[in-house]
Amino acid sequence: MSENKILDIAHISFLDIIRASIVQLGAAATKGMLIRNAMGAAENIPKVSFDTLDDFVASIESAENPITRIEGKAVHYGKGLFGLPKCPFAGSIGDYKEVYGGLPEDYHKITDDYNKEGKVTEQLRVGHGAGVSPFCAVHQPLRAALKDRISIGGKPITILQLGCKSGGGEKGLAEQWIKETEFSADDVRKVLDDNMCCYAIKVDA
């Protein structure tokens, strides 16, 4: 353990609760719990309206953007394509590894189940190959559910999770959601070269 590192016990406890839940309830039930909790949190974020996509992007820098508040500052690559440089769970993972030496072996079971086709993940446009860790089952649904809290030009939006990159550099792509955008799989891979997460925002007609 690093001699001078101050650990966040909340991080460690949360990750260990996930481990215990997998053992007691199973991966599918744990995944469902994580998604429901994320969606519940999104419902409590105040609604906000932006006149244009440019205004939405500008609000990232000041952290007035609801998505920025829950995940940090994303980079806009144009036409509604975004990359997130740092995973919001990086600190939690680091703290857990400091204590236990690594992540629980059963964690992959949540990731595998999260990437399966499912009604909720389809509605939210998440998973389906874009999950690379169990924390994607929290982060991606939370961001996606914010679509109901944000409007641009008076119109609703859709947030699509296009891809994600693990701490080890493995890239997971959601081909199904990529096809719903004007971007290609190569576009997503390029974004993931410099980011941990890639998503798109579409203004609904």
Protein backbone atom coordinates (compact mmCIF):
# COMPACT_ATOMS: atom_id res chain seq x y z
CA MET A 1 0.00 0.00 0.00
CA SER A 2 1.31 3.47 -0.84
CA GLU A 3 2.66 5.03 2.35
CA ASN A 4 1.15 8.49 2.00
CA LYS A 5 -2.03 7.80 0.02
CA ILE A 6 -5.26 8.79 1.75
CA LEU A 7 -7.92 6.24 0.89
CA ASP A 8 -11.62 6.98 0.47
CA ILE A 9 -13.48 4.41 2.56
CA ALA A 10 -16.71 5.21 0.68
CA HIS A 11 -15.05 4.07 -2.55
CA ILE A 12 -13.77 0.87 -1.00
CA SER A 13 -17.09 0.06 0.68
CA PHE A 14 -19.12 0.65 -2.49
CA LEU A 15 -16.94 -1.66 -4.56
CA ASP A 16 -17.03 -4.34 -1.88
CA ILE A 17 -20.83 -4.09 -1.65
CA ILE A 18 -20.94 -4.85 -5.38
CA ARG A 19 -18.71 -7.89 -4.79
CA ALA A 20 -20.93 -9.14 -1.97
CA SER A 21 -24.07 -8.58 -4.03
CA ILE A 22 -22.72 -10.72 -6.88
CA VAL A 23 -22.10 -13.55 -4.42
CA GLN A 24 -25.48 -13.25 -2.68
CA LEU A 25 -27.83 -12.20 -5.49
CA GLY A 26 -26.00 -13.06 -8.72
CA ALA A 27 -24.63 -10.91 -11.52
CA ALA A 28 -27.94 -10.20 -13.29
CA ALA A 29 -29.69 -8.99 -10.13
CA THR A 30 -26.68 -6.88 -9.15
CA LYS A 31 -26.54 -5.33 -12.61
CA GLY A 32 -30.24 -4.49 -12.37
CA MET A 33 -29.76 -2.89 -8.98
CA LEU A 34 -26.90 -0.73 -10.24
CA ILE A 35 -28.89 0.43 -13.27
CA ARG A 36 -31.99 1.24 -11.20
CA ASN A 37 -29.95 3.22 -8.69
CA ALA A 38 -28.31 5.18 -11.51
CA MET A 39 -31.65 5.98 -13.14
CA GLY A 40 -33.07 7.03 -9.78
CA ALA A 41 -30.20 9.44 -9.26
CA ALA A 42 -30.73 10.95 -12.72
CA GLU A 43 -34.36 11.72 -11.88
CA ASN A 44 -33.17 14.07 -9.14
CA ILE A 45 -30.97 16.20 -11.42
CA PRO A 46 -32.68 19.54 -12.20
CA LYS A 47 -33.96 19.95 -15.75
CA VAL A 48 -32.07 22.36 -17.99
CA SER A 49 -32.64 23.70 -21.50
CA PHE A 50 -30.06 24.90 -24.01
CA ASP A 51 -30.80 26.97 -27.10
CA THR A 52 -28.26 25.19 -29.28
CA LEU A 53 -25.76 22.32 -29.21
CA ASP A 54 -23.01 24.96 -29.07
CA ASP A 55 -24.55 26.30 -25.86
CA PHE A 56 -24.66 22.77 -24.48
CA VAL A 57 -20.95 22.31 -25.28
CA ALA A 58 -20.04 25.71 -23.81
CA SER A 59 -21.69 24.73 -20.52
CA ILE A 60 -19.21 21.88 -20.10
CA GLU A 61 -16.37 24.24 -19.23
CA SER A 62 -18.32 25.96 -16.46
CA ALA A 63 -19.70 22.64 -15.18
CA GLU A 64 -23.26 23.98 -15.56
CA ASN A 65 -23.87 20.99 -17.81
CA PRO A 66 -25.72 18.18 -15.98
CA ILE A 67 -23.60 15.49 -17.63
CA THR A 68 -20.38 17.27 -16.67
CA ARG A 69 -21.52 17.40 -13.07
CA ILE A 70 -21.79 13.62 -12.82
CA GLU A 71 -18.75 12.56 -14.88
CA GLY A 72 -16.31 15.43 -15.40
CA LYS A 73 -15.41 17.44 -18.49
CA ALA A 74 -15.86 15.71 -21.84
CA VAL A 75 -14.23 16.72 -25.13
CA HIS A 76 -16.48 17.58 -28.09
CA TYR A 77 -15.25 16.22 -31.43
CA GLY A 78 -17.99 17.89 -33.45
CA LYS A 79 -21.54 17.03 -34.53
CA GLY A 80 -22.44 15.74 -31.06
CA LEU A 81 -19.60 13.23 -30.69
CA PHE A 82 -17.95 13.28 -27.26
CA GLY A 83 -15.01 11.65 -25.54
CA LEU A 84 -14.47 11.46 -21.78
CA PRO A 85 -10.76 11.46 -20.89
CA LYS A 86 -11.06 10.02 -17.37
CA CYS A 87 -13.36 7.32 -16.00
CA PRO A 88 -15.35 8.66 -13.01
CA PHE A 89 -14.60 5.41 -11.19
CA ALA A 90 -10.81 5.58 -11.63
CA GLY A 91 -10.33 6.82 -8.07
CA SER A 92 -12.62 4.16 -6.62
CA ILE A 93 -10.81 1.40 -8.51
CA GLY A 94 -7.44 2.72 -7.41
CA ASP A 95 -8.45 2.86 -3.75
CA TYR A 96 -9.87 -0.67 -3.84
CA LYS A 97 -6.71 -2.04 -5.44
CA GLU A 98 -4.61 -0.31 -2.79
CA VAL A 99 -6.36 -2.38 -0.13
CA TYR A 100 -7.13 -5.66 -1.88
CA GLY A 101 -4.42 -5.77 -4.53
CA GLY A 102 -6.88 -6.11 -7.43
CA LEU A 103 -10.54 -6.17 -8.39
CA PRO A 104 -12.76 -9.16 -7.50
CA GLU A 105 -12.68 -12.00 -10.03
CA ASP A 106 -16.49 -12.08 -10.21
CA TYR A 107 -16.70 -8.50 -11.51
CA HIS A 108 -16.54 -9.68 -15.11
CA LYS A 109 -19.89 -11.43 -14.62
CA ILE A 110 -21.67 -8.07 -14.33
CA THR A 111 -19.89 -6.75 -17.42
CA ASP A 112 -20.84 -9.83 -19.43
CA ASP A 113 -24.49 -9.60 -18.36
CA TYR A 114 -24.58 -5.84 -18.98
CA ASN A 115 -23.48 -6.33 -22.59
CA LYS A 116 -26.30 -8.79 -23.33
CA GLU A 117 -29.34 -7.51 -25.19
CA GLY A 118 -31.91 -6.21 -22.74
CA LYS A 119 -35.02 -4.04 -22.68
CA VAL A 120 -33.67 -1.39 -20.31
CA THR A 121 -30.22 -1.10 -21.91
CA GLU A 122 -31.89 -0.87 -25.32
CA GLN A 123 -34.16 1.94 -24.16
CA LEU A 124 -31.18 3.79 -22.71
CA ARG A 125 -28.88 3.06 -25.69
CA VAL A 126 -26.13 1.68 -23.44
CA GLY A 127 -24.24 -1.60 -23.07
CA HIS A 128 -24.57 -3.95 -26.07
CA GLY A 129 -20.79 -4.26 -26.28
CA ALA A 130 -19.85 -0.87 -24.83
CA GLY A 131 -19.43 -2.17 -21.28
CA VAL A 132 -15.85 -2.88 -20.24
CA SER A 133 -16.28 -3.01 -16.45
CA PRO A 134 -19.12 -3.37 -13.92
CA PHE A 135 -18.94 0.37 -13.30
CA CYS A 136 -20.22 0.97 -16.83
CA ALA A 137 -23.56 -0.37 -15.50
CA VAL A 138 -23.67 2.66 -13.22
CA HIS A 139 -22.03 5.39 -15.28
CA GLN A 140 -23.57 4.78 -18.71
CA PRO A 141 -27.23 4.47 -17.53
CA LEU A 142 -26.86 7.53 -15.30
CA ARG A 143 -25.61 9.65 -18.19
CA ALA A 144 -28.14 8.17 -20.63
CA ALA A 145 -31.06 8.79 -18.26
CA LEU A 146 -30.15 12.48 -18.18
CA LYS A 147 -31.70 12.71 -21.64
CA ASP A 148 -34.98 13.28 -19.83
CA ARG A 149 -33.48 16.23 -17.93
CA ILE A 150 -31.95 18.03 -20.93
CA SER A 151 -33.46 19.71 -23.98
CA ILE A 152 -31.73 21.52 -26.84
CA GLY A 153 -33.61 24.07 -28.92
CA GLY A 154 -36.79 23.06 -27.11
CA LYS A 155 -36.42 19.46 -28.32
CA PRO A 156 -35.62 16.25 -26.41
CA ILE A 157 -32.30 14.52 -26.93
CA THR A 158 -30.99 10.97 -27.16
CA ILE A 159 -27.66 9.96 -25.64
CA LEU A 160 -26.00 6.93 -27.22
CA GLN A 161 -23.09 5.04 -25.65
CA LEU A 162 -20.84 4.20 -28.59
CA GLY A 163 -17.80 2.71 -26.91
CA CYS A 164 -15.62 2.47 -23.85
CA LYS A 165 -12.02 1.58 -22.99
CA SER A 166 -10.90 -0.48 -20.02
CA GLY A 167 -8.00 0.44 -17.76
CA GLY A 168 -5.98 -2.17 -19.64
CA GLY A 169 -6.67 -0.49 -22.99
CA GLU A 170 -9.30 -2.92 -24.32
CA LYS A 171 -11.93 -1.14 -26.43
CA GLY A 172 -15.56 -2.21 -26.39
CA LEU A 173 -17.89 -0.88 -29.10
CA ALA A 174 -21.68 -0.88 -29.34
CA GLU A 175 -22.13 -1.46 -33.06
CA GLN A 176 -25.91 -1.28 -32.70
CA TRP A 177 -25.82 2.28 -31.36
CA ILE A 178 -23.07 3.41 -33.71
CA LYS A 179 -25.37 2.54 -36.62
CA GLU A 180 -27.94 5.01 -35.26
CA THR A 181 -25.46 7.88 -35.70
CA GLU A 182 -23.53 9.41 -38.57
CA PHE A 183 -20.26 8.14 -37.11
CA SER A 184 -18.31 4.98 -37.91
CA ALA A 185 -16.68 2.37 -35.72
CA ASP A 186 -13.31 3.84 -36.75
CA ASP A 187 -14.44 7.28 -35.58
CA VAL A 188 -15.27 5.79 -32.18
CA ARG A 189 -11.97 3.92 -31.95
CA LYS A 190 -10.07 7.14 -32.71
CA VAL A 191 -11.91 8.95 -29.91
CA LEU A 192 -11.08 6.07 -27.58
CA ASP A 193 -7.39 6.40 -28.42
CA ASP A 194 -7.34 9.46 -26.17
CA ASN A 195 -10.41 8.85 -24.01
CA MET A 196 -11.98 6.22 -21.76
CA CYS A 197 -15.54 6.71 -22.99
CA CYS A 198 -17.22 7.75 -26.24
CA TYR A 199 -20.84 8.77 -26.67
CA ALA A 200 -23.03 10.78 -29.02
CA ILE A 201 -25.86 13.23 -28.42
CA LYS A 202 -28.63 13.56 -30.99
CA VAL A 203 -31.31 16.22 -30.94
CA ASP A 204 -34.59 14.46 -31.67
CA ALA A 205 -36.67 15.69 -34.58
